[in-house]
Amino acid sequence: MSRQTIWATKVAALVQGGNSAAALAQIKVAPTVKDLKDLRALLIAAKVMAKHPNVDSATSDMIVALSSPRLHRSP
């Protein structure tokens, strides 16, 4: 069983505290897919995800964005 990351617990605290705008800004610059999945697990366990559908969609969108291969341009 892996440990929860510090980032996920801090962003979950933002959502639970009612500051979803700050949480959305943090979600947009999430470090890894694992961190986003840990955040979703924390919010689902706390039963907060249903109250904040914008956080739900943002985490889902960022998981897809970080999971997909990146397009690279030549310099």
Protein backbone atom coordinates (compact mmCIF):
# COMPACT_ATOMS: atom_id res chain seq x y z
CA MET A 1 0.00 0.00 0.00
CA SER A 2 1.47 3.32 -1.02
CA ARG A 3 1.47 6.38 1.18
CA GLN A 4 -0.59 9.43 0.36
CA THR A 5 1.46 12.34 -0.91
CA ILE A 6 1.69 15.62 0.94
CA TRP A 7 0.37 17.47 -2.11
CA ALA A 8 -2.83 15.44 -2.17
CA THR A 9 -3.56 16.00 1.51
CA LYS A 10 -2.98 19.75 1.22
CA VAL A 11 -5.24 20.12 -1.81
CA ALA A 12 -7.89 17.94 -0.14
CA ALA A 13 -7.76 20.29 2.85
CA LEU A 14 -8.35 23.24 0.52
CA VAL A 15 -11.44 21.58 -0.94
CA GLN A 16 -12.78 20.56 2.46
CA GLY A 17 -12.19 24.08 3.76
CA GLY A 18 -14.32 25.52 0.97
CA ASN A 19 -11.54 27.10 -1.08
CA SER A 20 -12.21 25.23 -4.31
CA ALA A 21 -10.76 28.03 -6.47
CA ALA A 22 -7.32 27.55 -4.92
CA ALA A 23 -7.71 23.79 -5.19
CA LEU A 24 -8.53 24.07 -8.90
CA ALA A 25 -5.41 26.17 -9.44
CA GLN A 26 -3.32 23.50 -7.72
CA ILE A 27 -4.99 20.71 -9.70
CA LYS A 28 -4.04 22.42 -12.96
CA VAL A 29 -0.35 22.24 -11.99
CA ALA A 30 -0.48 18.76 -10.43
CA PRO A 31 2.89 17.03 -10.31
CA THR A 32 1.89 13.49 -11.33
CA VAL A 33 -1.06 11.26 -12.17
CA LYS A 34 -0.47 9.36 -8.92
CA ASP A 35 -0.95 12.57 -6.94
CA LEU A 36 -4.24 13.25 -8.71
CA LYS A 37 -5.45 9.71 -8.08
CA ASP A 38 -4.49 10.04 -4.41
CA LEU A 39 -6.42 13.32 -4.24
CA ARG A 40 -9.51 11.72 -5.79
CA ALA A 41 -9.27 8.85 -3.30
CA LEU A 42 -9.06 11.27 -0.37
CA LEU A 43 -12.02 13.32 -1.57
CA ILE A 44 -14.15 10.25 -2.25
CA ALA A 45 -13.33 8.84 1.19
CA ALA A 46 -14.31 12.17 2.79
CA LYS A 47 -17.53 12.25 0.71
CA VAL A 48 -16.70 15.72 -0.58
CA MET A 49 -16.54 14.94 -4.30
CA ALA A 50 -20.34 15.17 -4.76
CA LYS A 51 -20.40 18.70 -3.30
CA HIS A 52 -17.74 19.94 -5.70
CA PRO A 53 -18.44 18.71 -9.25
CA ASN A 54 -15.95 21.21 -10.70
CA VAL A 55 -13.13 19.57 -8.71
CA ASP A 56 -14.33 16.16 -9.89
CA SER A 57 -14.21 17.17 -13.56
CA ALA A 58 -10.89 19.01 -13.17
CA THR A 59 -9.16 16.01 -11.62
CA SER A 60 -10.56 13.70 -14.29
CA ASP A 61 -9.45 16.05 -17.07
CA MET A 62 -5.94 16.43 -15.65
CA ILE A 63 -5.52 12.68 -15.22
CA VAL A 64 -6.33 12.26 -18.91
CA ALA A 65 -4.04 15.14 -19.89
CA LEU A 66 -1.09 13.85 -17.88
CA SER A 67 -1.63 10.24 -18.97
CA SER A 68 -1.67 10.91 -22.68
CA PRO A 69 1.58 11.16 -24.64
CA ARG A 70 2.85 14.65 -25.20
CA LEU A 71 3.18 16.19 -28.63
CA HIS A 72 6.62 17.60 -29.26
CA ARG A 73 7.69 20.22 -31.71
CA SER A 74 11.14 20.41 -33.14
CA PRO A 75 13.00 23.59 -32.18
